[in-house]
Amino acid sequence: QVQLVESGGRLVQAGGSLRLSCAASGRTFSDYAMGWFRQAPGKEREFVAAVSWSAGSSFYADSVKGRFTISRDNAKNTVYLQMNSLKPEDTAVYYCAASRVFGTAAASPYNYWGQGTAVTVSS
């Protein structure tokens, strides 16, 4: 089992920045690729970004590419999502998730999920 707890979500103005954190406990953190997903009100959950086990590789949804950066600190069992140039359409609940598989934007390979942290971007 891997337990994931997100934090850092809040209300922010458009153009602003936020850094989300996701603290992991349980199994060996570095055994898992980590991803961030989000779900806006009335919409399906969508992929945001993912980082490989050693942070050597990452990839992003087109909608956030160039604005968001995913990173991880395996010594702290934490994955981060730095979000810059935020837009109202970034408003969502953001979830981190852990997977043994890296390289897919699909949610199904992610076995463990946090409870989410809410980000609201005002215009």
PDB file of N, CA and C in Angstrom:
ATOM      1  N   GLN A   1       0.830  -1.193   0.000  1.00  0.00           N
ATOM      2  CA  GLN A   1       0.000   0.000   0.000  1.00  0.00           C
ATOM      3  C   GLN A   1       0.869   1.250   0.000  1.00  0.00           C
ATOM      4  N   VAL A   2       0.396   2.252  -0.704  1.00  0.00           N
ATOM      5  CA  VAL A   2       1.024   3.568  -0.706  1.00  0.00           C
ATOM      6  C   VAL A   2      -0.043   4.576  -0.319  1.00  0.00           C
ATOM      7  N   GLN A   3       0.253   5.390   0.660  1.00  0.00           N
ATOM      8  CA  GLN A   3      -0.669   6.448   1.057  1.00  0.00           C
ATOM      9  C   GLN A   3      -0.137   7.774   0.513  1.00  0.00           C
ATOM     10  N   LEU A   4      -1.039   8.530  -0.071  1.00  0.00           N
ATOM     11  CA  LEU A   4      -0.666   9.797  -0.700  1.00  0.00           C
ATOM     12  C   LEU A   4      -1.515  10.924  -0.125  1.00  0.00           C
ATOM     13  N   VAL A   5      -0.874  12.020   0.233  1.00  0.00           N
ATOM     14  CA  VAL A   5      -1.581  13.169   0.786  1.00  0.00           C
ATOM     15  C   VAL A   5      -1.125  14.423   0.054  1.00  0.00           C
ATOM     16  N   GLU A   6      -2.061  15.052  -0.642  1.00  0.00           N
ATOM     17  CA  GLU A   6      -1.757  16.281  -1.376  1.00  0.00           C
ATOM     18  C   GLU A   6      -1.969  17.502  -0.484  1.00  0.00           C
ATOM     19  N   SER A   7      -1.278  18.569  -0.822  1.00  0.00           N
ATOM     20  CA  SER A   7      -1.466  19.841  -0.134  1.00  0.00           C
ATOM     21  C   SER A   7      -1.048  20.961  -1.073  1.00  0.00           C
ATOM     22  N   GLY A   8      -1.423  22.181  -0.691  1.00  0.00           N
ATOM     23  CA  GLY A   8      -0.993  23.359  -1.434  1.00  0.00           C
ATOM     24  C   GLY A   8      -2.055  24.027  -2.269  1.00  0.00           C
ATOM     25  N   GLY A   9      -3.198  23.395  -2.424  1.00  0.00           N
ATOM     26  CA  GLY A   9      -4.248  24.008  -3.219  1.00  0.00           C
ATOM     27  C   GLY A   9      -4.892  25.181  -2.498  1.00  0.00           C
ATOM     28  N   ARG A  10      -5.262  26.179  -3.256  1.00  0.00           N
ATOM     29  CA  ARG A  10      -5.943  27.359  -2.694  1.00  0.00           C
ATOM     30  C   ARG A  10      -6.480  28.216  -3.816  1.00  0.00           C
ATOM     31  N   LEU A  11      -7.081  29.342  -3.449  1.00  0.00           N
ATOM     32  CA  LEU A  11      -7.561  30.330  -4.408  1.00  0.00           C
ATOM     33  C   LEU A  11      -6.391  31.216  -4.839  1.00  0.00           C
ATOM     34  N   VAL A  12      -6.257  31.404  -6.140  1.00  0.00           N
ATOM     35  CA  VAL A  12      -5.176  32.245  -6.669  1.00  0.00           C
ATOM     36  C   VAL A  12      -5.713  33.009  -7.881  1.00  0.00           C
ATOM     37  N   GLN A  13      -5.159  34.175  -8.124  1.00  0.00           N
ATOM     38  CA  GLN A  13      -5.591  34.972  -9.277  1.00  0.00           C
ATOM     39  C   GLN A  13      -4.950  34.449 -10.559  1.00  0.00           C
ATOM     40  N   ALA A  14      -5.622  34.687 -11.654  1.00  0.00           N
ATOM     41  CA  ALA A  14      -5.068  34.314 -12.952  1.00  0.00           C
ATOM     42  C   ALA A  14      -3.706  34.968 -13.140  1.00  0.00           C
ATOM     43  N   GLY A  15      -2.782  34.201 -13.692  1.00  0.00           N
ATOM     44  CA  GLY A  15      -1.421  34.669 -13.872  1.00  0.00           C
ATOM     45  C   GLY A  15      -0.506  34.338 -12.712  1.00  0.00           C
ATOM     46  N   GLY A  16      -1.078  33.889 -11.627  1.00  0.00           N
ATOM     47  CA  GLY A  16      -0.300  33.575 -10.444  1.00  0.00           C
ATOM     48  C   GLY A  16       0.307  32.184 -10.493  1.00  0.00           C
ATOM     49  N   SER A  17       0.956  31.821  -9.394  1.00  0.00           N
ATOM     50  CA  SER A  17       1.655  30.535  -9.298  1.00  0.00           C
ATOM     51  C   SER A  17       1.255  29.810  -8.019  1.00  0.00           C
ATOM     52  N   LEU A  18       1.363  28.502  -8.073  1.00  0.00           N
ATOM     53  CA  LEU A  18       1.143  27.651  -6.907  1.00  0.00           C
ATOM     54  C   LEU A  18       2.077  26.459  -7.009  1.00  0.00           C
ATOM     55  N   ARG A  19       2.455  25.916  -5.869  1.00  0.00           N
ATOM     56  CA  ARG A  19       3.172  24.653  -5.864  1.00  0.00           C
ATOM     57  C   ARG A  19       2.384  23.659  -5.035  1.00  0.00           C
ATOM     58  N   LEU A  20       1.987  22.583  -5.663  1.00  0.00           N
ATOM     59  CA  LEU A  20       1.327  21.498  -4.965  1.00  0.00           C
ATOM     60  C   LEU A  20       2.367  20.480  -4.522  1.00  0.00           C
ATOM     61  N   SER A  21       2.089  19.864  -3.384  1.00  0.00           N
ATOM     62  CA  SER A  21       2.951  18.804  -2.873  1.00  0.00           C
ATOM     63  C   SER A  21       2.124  17.552  -2.641  1.00  0.00           C
ATOM     64  N   CYS A  22       2.787  16.425  -2.740  1.00  0.00           N
ATOM     65  CA  CYS A  22       2.140  15.153  -2.464  1.00  0.00           C
ATOM     66  C   CYS A  22       3.132  14.301  -1.673  1.00  0.00           C
ATOM     67  N   ALA A  23       2.802  14.052  -0.425  1.00  0.00           N
ATOM     68  CA  ALA A  23       3.663  13.256   0.443  1.00  0.00           C
ATOM     69  C   ALA A  23       3.219  11.808   0.416  1.00  0.00           C
ATOM     70  N   ALA A  24       4.188  10.913   0.237  1.00  0.00           N
ATOM     71  CA  ALA A  24       3.897   9.487   0.145  1.00  0.00           C
ATOM     72  C   ALA A  24       4.425   8.750   1.363  1.00  0.00           C
ATOM     73  N   SER A  25       3.733   7.704   1.735  1.00  0.00           N
ATOM     74  CA  SER A  25       4.196   6.821   2.800  1.00  0.00           C
ATOM     75  C   SER A  25       3.771   5.407   2.445  1.00  0.00           C
ATOM     76  N   GLY A  26       4.411   4.457   3.122  1.00  0.00           N
ATOM     77  CA  GLY A  26       4.090   3.073   2.838  1.00  0.00           C
ATOM     78  C   GLY A  26       5.233   2.392   2.118  1.00  0.00           C
ATOM     79  N   ARG A  27       4.971   1.901   0.939  1.00  0.00           N
ATOM     80  CA  ARG A  27       5.993   1.185   0.174  1.00  0.00           C
ATOM     81  C   ARG A  27       7.084   2.141  -0.327  1.00  0.00           C
ATOM     82  N   THR A  28       8.139   1.597  -0.877  1.00  0.00           N
ATOM     83  CA  THR A  28       9.276   2.394  -1.331  1.00  0.00           C
ATOM     84  C   THR A  28       8.858   3.361  -2.425  1.00  0.00           C
ATOM     85  N   PHE A  29       8.977   4.624  -2.133  1.00  0.00           N
ATOM     86  CA  PHE A  29       8.506   5.690  -3.017  1.00  0.00           C
ATOM     87  C   PHE A  29       9.174   5.614  -4.385  1.00  0.00           C
ATOM     88  N   SER A  30      10.476   5.336  -4.387  1.00  0.00           N
ATOM     89  CA  SER A  30      11.220   5.354  -5.645  1.00  0.00           C
ATOM     90  C   SER A  30      10.880   4.166  -6.549  1.00  0.00           C
ATOM     91  N   ASP A  31      10.059   3.251  -6.078  1.00  0.00           N
ATOM     92  CA  ASP A  31       9.601   2.141  -6.917  1.00  0.00           C
ATOM     93  C   ASP A  31       8.465   2.553  -7.841  1.00  0.00           C
ATOM     94  N   TYR A  32       7.943   3.760  -7.645  1.00  0.00           N
ATOM     95  CA  TYR A  32       6.744   4.194  -8.344  1.00  0.00           C
ATOM     96  C   TYR A  32       6.992   5.433  -9.195  1.00  0.00           C
ATOM     97  N   ALA A  33       6.471   5.394 -10.411  1.00  0.00           N
ATOM     98  CA  ALA A  33       6.302   6.622 -11.165  1.00  0.00           C
ATOM     99  C   ALA A  33       5.137   7.383 -10.544  1.00  0.00           C
ATOM    100  N   MET A  34       5.210   8.687 -10.634  1.00  0.00           N
ATOM    101  CA  MET A  34       4.185   9.524 -10.013  1.00  0.00           C
ATOM    102  C   MET A  34       3.517  10.414 -11.046  1.00  0.00           C
ATOM    103  N   GLY A  35       2.238  10.618 -10.866  1.00  0.00           N
ATOM    104  CA  GLY A  35       1.499  11.467 -11.785  1.00  0.00           C
ATOM    105  C   GLY A  35       0.592  12.434 -11.046  1.00  0.00           C
ATOM    106  N   TRP A  36       0.255  13.486 -11.752  1.00  0.00           N
ATOM    107  CA  TRP A  36      -0.771  14.419 -11.294  1.00  0.00           C
ATOM    108  C   TRP A  36      -1.914  14.389 -12.298  1.00  0.00           C
ATOM    109  N   PHE A  37      -3.121  14.334 -11.766  1.00  0.00           N
ATOM    110  CA  PHE A  37      -4.335  14.412 -12.552  1.00  0.00           C
ATOM    111  C   PHE A  37      -5.192  15.526 -11.972  1.00  0.00           C
ATOM    112  N   ARG A  38      -6.195  15.941 -12.705  1.00  0.00           N
ATOM    113  CA  ARG A  38      -7.110  16.942 -12.176  1.00  0.00           C
ATOM    114  C   ARG A  38      -8.516  16.656 -12.678  1.00  0.00           C
ATOM    115  N   GLN A  39      -9.472  17.149 -11.899  1.00  0.00           N
ATOM    116  CA  GLN A  39     -10.871  17.004 -12.276  1.00  0.00           C
ATOM    117  C   GLN A  39     -11.591  18.315 -11.988  1.00  0.00           C
ATOM    118  N   ALA A  40     -12.055  18.926 -13.047  1.00  0.00           N
ATOM    119  CA  ALA A  40     -12.813  20.164 -12.929  1.00  0.00           C
ATOM    120  C   ALA A  40     -14.287  19.832 -12.699  1.00  0.00           C
ATOM    121  N   PRO A  41     -15.034  20.764 -12.121  1.00  0.00           N
ATOM    122  CA  PRO A  41     -16.459  20.504 -11.869  1.00  0.00           C
ATOM    123  C   PRO A  41     -17.196  20.121 -13.150  1.00  0.00           C
ATOM    124  N   GLY A  42     -17.899  19.017 -13.092  1.00  0.00           N
ATOM    125  CA  GLY A  42     -18.687  18.567 -14.230  1.00  0.00           C
ATOM    126  C   GLY A  42     -17.889  17.926 -15.342  1.00  0.00           C
ATOM    127  N   LYS A  43     -16.610  17.722 -15.133  1.00  0.00           N
ATOM    128  CA  LYS A  43     -15.768  17.131 -16.175  1.00  0.00           C
ATOM    129  C   LYS A  43     -15.105  15.854 -15.675  1.00  0.00           C
ATOM    130  N   GLU A  44     -14.591  15.083 -16.618  1.00  0.00           N
ATOM    131  CA  GLU A  44     -13.884  13.862 -16.257  1.00  0.00           C
ATOM    132  C   GLU A  44     -12.467  14.183 -15.772  1.00  0.00           C
ATOM    133  N   ARG A  45     -11.926  13.254 -15.011  1.00  0.00           N
ATOM    134  CA  ARG A  45     -10.554  13.398 -14.553  1.00  0.00           C
ATOM    135  C   ARG A  45      -9.615  13.349 -15.750  1.00  0.00           C
ATOM    136  N   GLU A  46      -8.618  14.226 -15.760  1.00  0.00           N
ATOM    137  CA  GLU A  46      -7.675  14.274 -16.871  1.00  0.00           C
ATOM    138  C   GLU A  46      -6.243  14.282 -16.372  1.00  0.00           C
ATOM    139  N   PHE A  47      -5.389  13.749 -17.215  1.00  0.00           N
ATOM    140  CA  PHE A  47      -3.951  13.697 -16.927  1.00  0.00           C
ATOM    141  C   PHE A  47      -3.350  15.094 -16.992  1.00  0.00           C
ATOM    142  N   VAL A  48      -2.398  15.360 -16.092  1.00  0.00           N
ATOM    143  CA  VAL A  48      -1.681  16.641 -16.094  1.00  0.00           C
ATOM    144  C   VAL A  48      -0.194  16.424 -16.387  1.00  0.00           C
ATOM    145  N   ALA A  49       0.448  15.576 -15.577  1.00  0.00           N
ATOM    146  CA  ALA A  49       1.889  15.391 -15.729  1.00  0.00           C
ATOM    147  C   ALA A  49       2.311  14.109 -15.035  1.00  0.00           C
ATOM    148  N   ALA A  50       3.452  13.579 -15.446  1.00  0.00           N
ATOM    149  CA  ALA A  50       3.999  12.387 -14.806  1.00  0.00           C
ATOM    150  C   ALA A  50       5.512  12.469 -14.784  1.00  0.00           C
ATOM    151  N   VAL A  51       6.105  11.829 -13.783  1.00  0.00           N
ATOM    152  CA  VAL A  51       7.557  11.796 -13.641  1.00  0.00           C
ATOM    153  C   VAL A  51       7.981  10.360 -13.350  1.00  0.00           C
ATOM    154  N   SER A  52       9.122   9.989 -13.903  1.00  0.00           N
ATOM    155  CA  SER A  52       9.599   8.615 -13.745  1.00  0.00           C
ATOM    156  C   SER A  52      10.182   8.383 -12.355  1.00  0.00           C
ATOM    157  N   TRP A  53      10.577   7.165 -12.090  1.00  0.00           N
ATOM    158  CA  TRP A  53      10.999   6.743 -10.767  1.00  0.00           C
ATOM    159  C   TRP A  53      12.149   7.580 -10.239  1.00  0.00           C
ATOM    160  N   SER A  54      13.122   7.865 -11.108  1.00  0.00           N
ATOM    161  CA  SER A  54      14.305   8.596 -10.666  1.00  0.00           C
ATOM    162  C   SER A  54      14.266  10.064 -11.075  1.00  0.00           C
ATOM    163  N   ALA A  55      13.134  10.502 -11.591  1.00  0.00           N
ATOM    164  CA  ALA A  55      12.945  11.877 -12.066  1.00  0.00           C
ATOM    165  C   ALA A  55      13.757  12.170 -13.319  1.00  0.00           C
ATOM    166  N   GLY A  56      14.218  11.129 -13.991  1.00  0.00           N
ATOM    167  CA  GLY A  56      14.971  11.348 -15.213  1.00  0.00           C
ATOM    168  C   GLY A  56      14.128  11.709 -16.406  1.00  0.00           C
ATOM    169  N   SER A  57      12.838  11.391 -16.327  1.00  0.00           N
ATOM    170  CA  SER A  57      11.930  11.677 -17.436  1.00  0.00           C
ATOM    171  C   SER A  57      10.621  12.216 -16.909  1.00  0.00           C
ATOM    172  N   SER A  58       9.990  13.053 -17.718  1.00  0.00           N
ATOM    173  CA  SER A  58       8.667  13.562 -17.363  1.00  0.00           C
ATOM    174  C   SER A  58       7.934  13.920 -18.653  1.00  0.00           C
ATOM    175  N   PHE A  59       6.637  13.985 -18.576  1.00  0.00           N
ATOM    176  CA  PHE A  59       5.855  14.461 -19.709  1.00  0.00           C
ATOM    177  C   PHE A  59       4.574  15.096 -19.210  1.00  0.00           C
ATOM    178  N   TYR A  60       3.954  15.882 -20.101  1.00  0.00           N
ATOM    179  CA  TYR A  60       2.871  16.760 -19.700  1.00  0.00           C
ATOM    180  C   TYR A  60       1.716  16.719 -20.694  1.00  0.00           C
ATOM    181  N   ALA A  61       0.557  17.054 -20.196  1.00  0.00           N
ATOM    182  CA  ALA A  61      -0.572  17.312 -21.078  1.00  0.00           C
ATOM    183  C   ALA A  61      -0.282  18.589 -21.859  1.00  0.00           C
ATOM    184  N   ASP A  62      -0.768  18.647 -23.084  1.00  0.00           N
ATOM    185  CA  ASP A  62      -0.528  19.826 -23.915  1.00  0.00           C
ATOM    186  C   ASP A  62      -1.048  21.096 -23.262  1.00  0.00           C
ATOM    187  N   SER A  63      -2.127  20.970 -22.509  1.00  0.00           N
ATOM    188  CA  SER A  63      -2.763  22.144 -21.911  1.00  0.00           C
ATOM    189  C   SER A  63      -1.909  22.808 -20.843  1.00  0.00           C
ATOM    190  N   VAL A  64      -0.928  22.104 -20.302  1.00  0.00           N
ATOM    191  CA  VAL A  64      -0.105  22.675 -19.225  1.00  0.00           C
ATOM    192  C   VAL A  64       1.367  22.767 -19.603  1.00  0.00           C
ATOM    193  N   LYS A  65       1.724  22.234 -20.749  1.00  0.00           N
ATOM    194  CA  LYS A  65       3.127  22.214 -21.164  1.00  0.00           C
ATOM    195  C   LYS A  65       3.684  23.634 -21.220  1.00  0.00           C
ATOM    196  N   GLY A  66       4.847  23.824 -20.619  1.00  0.00           N
ATOM    197  CA  GLY A  66       5.469  25.137 -20.585  1.00  0.00           C
ATOM    198  C   GLY A  66       5.053  25.982 -19.405  1.00  0.00           C
ATOM    199  N   ARG A  67       3.999  25.583 -18.711  1.00  0.00           N
ATOM    200  CA  ARG A  67       3.533  26.340 -17.542  1.00  0.00           C
ATOM    201  C   ARG A  67       3.701  25.552 -16.244  1.00  0.00           C
ATOM    202  N   PHE A  68       3.555  24.242 -16.304  1.00  0.00           N
ATOM    203  CA  PHE A  68       3.647  23.391 -15.114  1.00  0.00           C
ATOM    204  C   PHE A  68       4.931  22.572 -15.174  1.00  0.00           C
ATOM    205  N   THR A  69       5.470  22.290 -13.984  1.00  0.00           N
ATOM    206  CA  THR A  69       6.656  21.438 -13.873  1.00  0.00           C
ATOM    207  C   THR A  69       6.445  20.425 -12.763  1.00  0.00           C
ATOM    208  N   ILE A  70       6.625  19.170 -13.105  1.00  0.00           N
ATOM    209  CA  ILE A  70       6.544  18.112 -12.104  1.00  0.00           C
ATOM    210  C   ILE A  70       7.958  17.749 -11.663  1.00  0.00           C
ATOM    211  N   SER A  71       8.109  17.494 -10.378  1.00  0.00           N
ATOM    212  CA  SER A  71       9.408  17.081  -9.856  1.00  0.00           C
ATOM    213  C   SER A  71       9.177  16.176  -8.662  1.00  0.00           C
ATOM    214  N   ARG A  72      10.221  15.512  -8.230  1.00  0.00           N
ATOM    215  CA  ARG A  72      10.110  14.639  -7.066  1.00  0.00           C
ATOM    216  C   ARG A  72      11.407  14.663  -6.284  1.00  0.00           C
ATOM    217  N   ASP A  73      11.262  14.418  -5.006  1.00  0.00           N
ATOM    218  CA  ASP A  73      12.403  14.296  -4.105  1.00  0.00           C
ATOM    219  C   ASP A  73      12.259  12.955  -3.410  1.00  0.00           C
ATOM    220  N   ASN A  74      12.993  11.973  -3.866  1.00  0.00           N
ATOM    221  CA  ASN A  74      12.841  10.630  -3.312  1.00  0.00           C
ATOM    222  C   ASN A  74      13.332  10.542  -1.873  1.00  0.00           C
ATOM    223  N   ALA A  75      14.224  11.424  -1.475  1.00  0.00           N
ATOM    224  CA  ALA A  75      14.682  11.435  -0.087  1.00  0.00           C
ATOM    225  C   ALA A  75      13.580  11.916   0.849  1.00  0.00           C
ATOM    226  N   LYS A  76      12.669  12.722   0.317  1.00  0.00           N
ATOM    227  CA  LYS A  76      11.561  13.240   1.127  1.00  0.00           C
ATOM    228  C   LYS A  76      10.242  12.548   0.824  1.00  0.00           C
ATOM    229  N   ASN A  77      10.276  11.566  -0.082  1.00  0.00           N
ATOM    230  CA  ASN A  77       9.048  10.840  -0.459  1.00  0.00           C
ATOM    231  C   ASN A  77       7.953  11.807  -0.903  1.00  0.00           C
ATOM    232  N   THR A  78       8.325  12.788  -1.699  1.00  0.00           N
ATOM    233  CA  THR A  78       7.387  13.835  -2.083  1.00  0.00           C
ATOM    234  C   THR A  78       7.496  14.125  -3.575  1.00  0.00           C
ATOM    235  N   VAL A  79       6.345  14.355  -4.185  1.00  0.00           N
ATOM    236  CA  VAL A  79       6.293  14.811  -5.571  1.00  0.00           C
ATOM    237  C   VAL A  79       5.627  16.181  -5.571  1.00  0.00           C
ATOM    238  N   TYR A  80       6.087  17.028  -6.484  1.00  0.00           N
ATOM    239  CA  TYR A  80       5.617  18.405  -6.539  1.00  0.00           C
ATOM    240  C   TYR A  80       5.028  18.712  -7.918  1.00  0.00           C
ATOM    241  N   LEU A  81       4.162  19.705  -7.936  1.00  0.00           N
ATOM    242  CA  LEU A  81       3.682  20.258  -9.196  1.00  0.00           C
ATOM    243  C   LEU A  81       3.761  21.770  -9.083  1.00  0.00           C
ATOM    244  N   GLN A  82       4.733  22.351  -9.762  1.00  0.00           N
ATOM    245  CA  GLN A  82       4.852  23.791  -9.806  1.00  0.00           C
ATOM    246  C   GLN A  82       3.982  24.294 -10.945  1.00  0.00           C
ATOM    247  N   MET A  83       3.055  25.176 -10.632  1.00  0.00           N
ATOM    248  CA  MET A  83       2.103  25.684 -11.615  1.00  0.00           C
ATOM    249  C   MET A  83       2.281  27.184 -11.756  1.00  0.00           C
ATOM    250  N   ASN A  84       2.663  27.623 -12.935  1.00  0.00           N
ATOM    251  CA  ASN A  84       2.860  29.039 -13.223  1.00  0.00           C
ATOM    252  C   ASN A  84       1.857  29.500 -14.277  1.00  0.00           C
ATOM    253  N   SER A  85       1.711  30.808 -14.373  1.00  0.00           N
ATOM    254  CA  SER A  85       0.815  31.403 -15.374  1.00  0.00           C
ATOM    255  C   SER A  85      -0.557  30.729 -15.345  1.00  0.00           C
ATOM    256  N   LEU A  86      -1.106  30.628 -14.171  1.00  0.00           N
ATOM    257  CA  LEU A  86      -2.370  29.910 -13.999  1.00  0.00           C
ATOM    258  C   LEU A  86      -3.510  30.612 -14.715  1.00  0.00           C
ATOM    259  N   LYS A  87      -4.423  29.803 -15.218  1.00  0.00           N
ATOM    260  CA  LYS A  87      -5.583  30.286 -15.947  1.00  0.00           C
ATOM    261  C   LYS A  87      -6.850  29.802 -15.246  1.00  0.00           C
ATOM    262  N   PRO A  88      -7.959  30.500 -15.433  1.00  0.00           N
ATOM    263  CA  PRO A  88      -9.216  30.024 -14.823  1.00  0.00           C
ATOM    264  C   PRO A  88      -9.543  28.580 -15.193  1.00  0.00           C
ATOM    265  N   GLU A  89      -9.172  28.150 -16.380  1.00  0.00           N
ATOM    266  CA  GLU A  89      -9.462  26.784 -16.793  1.00  0.00           C
ATOM    267  C   GLU A  89      -8.596  25.736 -16.091  1.00  0.00           C
ATOM    268  N   ASP A  90      -7.644  26.191 -15.289  1.00  0.00           N
ATOM    269  CA  ASP A  90      -6.869  25.269 -14.453  1.00  0.00           C
ATOM    270  C   ASP A  90      -7.592  24.936 -13.156  1.00  0.00           C
ATOM    271  N   THR A  91      -8.706  25.596 -12.908  1.00  0.00           N
ATOM    272  CA  THR A  91      -9.488  25.330 -11.706  1.00  0.00           C
ATOM    273  C   THR A  91      -9.940  23.881 -11.686  1.00  0.00           C
ATOM    274  N   ALA A  92      -9.605  23.171 -10.607  1.00  0.00           N
ATOM    275  CA  ALA A  92      -9.913  21.744 -10.508  1.00  0.00           C
ATOM    276  C   ALA A  92      -9.453  21.231  -9.153  1.00  0.00           C
ATOM    277  N   VAL A  93      -9.867  20.020  -8.859  1.00  0.00           N
ATOM    278  CA  VAL A  93      -9.250  19.273  -7.772  1.00  0.00           C
ATOM    279  C   VAL A  93      -8.091  18.491  -8.378  1.00  0.00           C
ATOM    280  N   TYR A  94      -6.925  18.643  -7.783  1.00  0.00           N
ATOM    281  CA  TYR A  94      -5.716  18.002  -8.284  1.00  0.00           C
ATOM    282  C   TYR A  94      -5.376  16.790  -7.422  1.00  0.00           C
ATOM    283  N   TYR A  95      -5.109  15.688  -8.101  1.00  0.00           N
ATOM    284  CA  TYR A  95      -4.801  14.427  -7.434  1.00  0.00           C
ATOM    285  C   TYR A  95      -3.412  13.955  -7.828  1.00  0.00           C
ATOM    286  N   CYS A  96      -2.679  13.435  -6.860  1.00  0.00           N
ATOM    287  CA  CYS A  96      -1.464  12.732  -7.221  1.00  0.00           C
ATOM    288  C   CYS A  96      -1.750  11.235  -7.173  1.00  0.00           C
ATOM    289  N   ALA A  97      -0.962  10.488  -7.921  1.00  0.00           N
ATOM    290  CA  ALA A  97      -1.180   9.059  -8.031  1.00  0.00           C
ATOM    291  C   ALA A  97       0.149   8.356  -8.277  1.00  0.00           C
ATOM    292  N   ALA A  98       0.204   7.092  -7.890  1.00  0.00           N
ATOM    293  CA  ALA A  98       1.422   6.296  -8.005  1.00  0.00           C
ATOM    294  C   ALA A  98       1.179   5.082  -8.887  1.00  0.00           C
ATOM    295  N   SER A  99       2.175   4.787  -9.706  1.00  0.00           N
ATOM    296  CA  SER A  99       2.048   3.672 -10.646  1.00  0.00           C
ATOM    297  C   SER A  99       3.385   2.973 -10.820  1.00  0.00           C
ATOM    298  N   ARG A 100       3.342   1.680 -11.104  1.00  0.00           N
ATOM    299  CA  ARG A 100       4.551   0.940 -11.461  1.00  0.00           C
ATOM    300  C   ARG A 100       4.912   1.173 -12.923  1.00  0.00           C
ATOM    301  N   VAL A 101       4.000   1.820 -13.643  1.00  0.00           N
ATOM    302  CA  VAL A 101       4.160   2.032 -15.073  1.00  0.00           C
ATOM    303  C   VAL A 101       4.405   3.510 -15.341  1.00  0.00           C
ATOM    304  N   PHE A 102       5.354   3.800 -16.199  1.00  0.00           N
ATOM    305  CA  PHE A 102       5.607   5.182 -16.606  1.00  0.00           C
ATOM    306  C   PHE A 102       5.457   5.299 -18.118  1.00  0.00           C
ATOM    307  N   GLY A 103       4.899   6.418 -18.534  1.00  0.00           N
ATOM    308  CA  GLY A 103       4.847   6.699 -19.959  1.00  0.00           C
ATOM    309  C   GLY A 103       3.463   6.755 -20.547  1.00  0.00           C
ATOM    310  N   THR A 104       2.446   6.607 -19.712  1.00  0.00           N
ATOM    311  CA  THR A 104       1.089   6.683 -20.207  1.00  0.00           C
ATOM    312  C   THR A 104       0.319   7.774 -19.478  1.00  0.00           C
ATOM    313  N   ALA A 105      -0.604   8.406 -20.190  1.00  0.00           N
ATOM    314  CA  ALA A 105      -1.458   9.418 -19.576  1.00  0.00           C
ATOM    315  C   ALA A 105      -2.754   8.802 -19.060  1.00  0.00           C
ATOM    316  N   ALA A 106      -2.924   7.518 -19.244  1.00  0.00           N
ATOM    317  CA  ALA A 106      -4.130   6.859 -18.775  1.00  0.00           C
ATOM    318  C   ALA A 106      -4.123   6.742 -17.260  1.00  0.00           C
ATOM    319  N   ALA A 107      -5.293   6.794 -16.670  1.00  0.00           N
ATOM    320  CA  ALA A 107      -5.410   6.702 -15.216  1.00  0.00           C
ATOM    321  C   ALA A 107      -5.361   5.265 -14.722  1.00  0.00           C
ATOM    322  N   SER A 108      -5.721   4.321 -15.553  1.00  0.00           N
ATOM    323  CA  SER A 108      -5.865   2.933 -15.094  1.00  0.00           C
ATOM    324  C   SER A 108      -4.591   2.312 -14.531  1.00  0.00           C
ATOM    325  N   PRO A 109      -3.388   2.630 -15.025  1.00  0.00           N
ATOM    326  CA  PRO A 109      -2.191   2.015 -14.425  1.00  0.00           C
ATOM    327  C   PRO A 109      -1.832   2.554 -13.040  1.00  0.00           C
ATOM    328  N   TYR A 110      -2.471   3.619 -12.639  1.00  0.00           N
ATOM    329  CA  TYR A 110      -2.162   4.208 -11.332  1.00  0.00           C
ATOM    330  C   TYR A 110      -2.965   3.481 -10.258  1.00  0.00           C
ATOM    331  N   ASN A 111      -2.226   2.848  -9.350  1.00  0.00           N
ATOM    332  CA  ASN A 111      -2.862   2.005  -8.350  1.00  0.00           C
ATOM    333  C   ASN A 111      -3.271   2.755  -7.090  1.00  0.00           C
ATOM    334  N   TYR A 112      -2.575   3.828  -6.822  1.00  0.00           N
ATOM    335  CA  TYR A 112      -2.791   4.540  -5.561  1.00  0.00           C
ATOM    336  C   TYR A 112      -3.067   6.008  -5.852  1.00  0.00           C
ATOM    337  N   TRP A 113      -4.034   6.553  -5.123  1.00  0.00           N
ATOM    338  CA  TRP A 113      -4.480   7.923  -5.335  1.00  0.00           C
ATOM    339  C   TRP A 113      -4.596   8.650  -4.012  1.00  0.00           C
ATOM    340  N   GLY A 114      -4.304   9.948  -4.041  1.00  0.00           N
ATOM    341  CA  GLY A 114      -4.565  10.783  -2.886  1.00  0.00           C
ATOM    342  C   GLY A 114      -6.008  11.258  -2.886  1.00  0.00           C
ATOM    343  N   GLN A 115      -6.322  12.075  -1.888  1.00  0.00           N
ATOM    344  CA  GLN A 115      -7.705  12.549  -1.723  1.00  0.00           C
ATOM    345  C   GLN A 115      -7.973  13.824  -2.505  1.00  0.00           C
ATOM    346  N   GLY A 116      -6.919  14.455  -3.012  1.00  0.00           N
ATOM    347  CA  GLY A 116      -7.072  15.651  -3.826  1.00  0.00           C
ATOM    348  C   GLY A 116      -6.904  16.936  -3.050  1.00  0.00           C
ATOM    349  N   THR A 117      -6.491  17.971  -3.763  1.00  0.00           N
ATOM    350  CA  THR A 117      -6.395  19.311  -3.203  1.00  0.00           C
ATOM    351  C   THR A 117      -6.983  20.274  -4.223  1.00  0.00           C
ATOM    352  N   ALA A 118      -7.799  21.204  -3.753  1.00  0.00           N
ATOM    353  CA  ALA A 118      -8.561  22.065  -4.652  1.00  0.00           C
ATOM    354  C   ALA A 118      -7.788  23.325  -5.025  1.00  0.00           C
ATOM    355  N   VAL A 119      -7.752  23.588  -6.322  1.00  0.00           N
ATOM    356  CA  VAL A 119      -7.147  24.799  -6.862  1.00  0.00           C
ATOM    357  C   VAL A 119      -8.236  25.601  -7.564  1.00  0.00           C
ATOM    358  N   THR A 120      -8.370  26.859  -7.182  1.00  0.00           N
ATOM    359  CA  THR A 120      -9.323  27.745  -7.833  1.00  0.00           C
ATOM    360  C   THR A 120      -8.573  28.949  -8.373  1.00  0.00           C
ATOM    361  N   VAL A 121      -8.731  29.202  -9.658  1.00  0.00           N
ATOM    362  CA  VAL A 121      -8.059  30.328 -10.296  1.00  0.00           C
ATOM    363  C   VAL A 121      -9.125  31.342 -10.686  1.00  0.00           C
ATOM    364  N   SER A 122      -9.040  32.512 -10.101  1.00  0.00           N
ATOM    365  CA  SER A 122     -10.028  33.560 -10.387  1.00  0.00           C
ATOM    366  C   SER A 122      -9.539  34.447 -11.528  1.00  0.00           C
ATOM    367  N   SER A 123     -10.490  34.935 -12.304  1.00  0.00           N
ATOM    368  CA  SER A 123     -10.138  35.784 -13.458  1.00  0.00           C
ATOM    369  C   SER A 123     -10.106  37.247 -13.076  1.00  0.00           C
TER     370      SER A 123
END
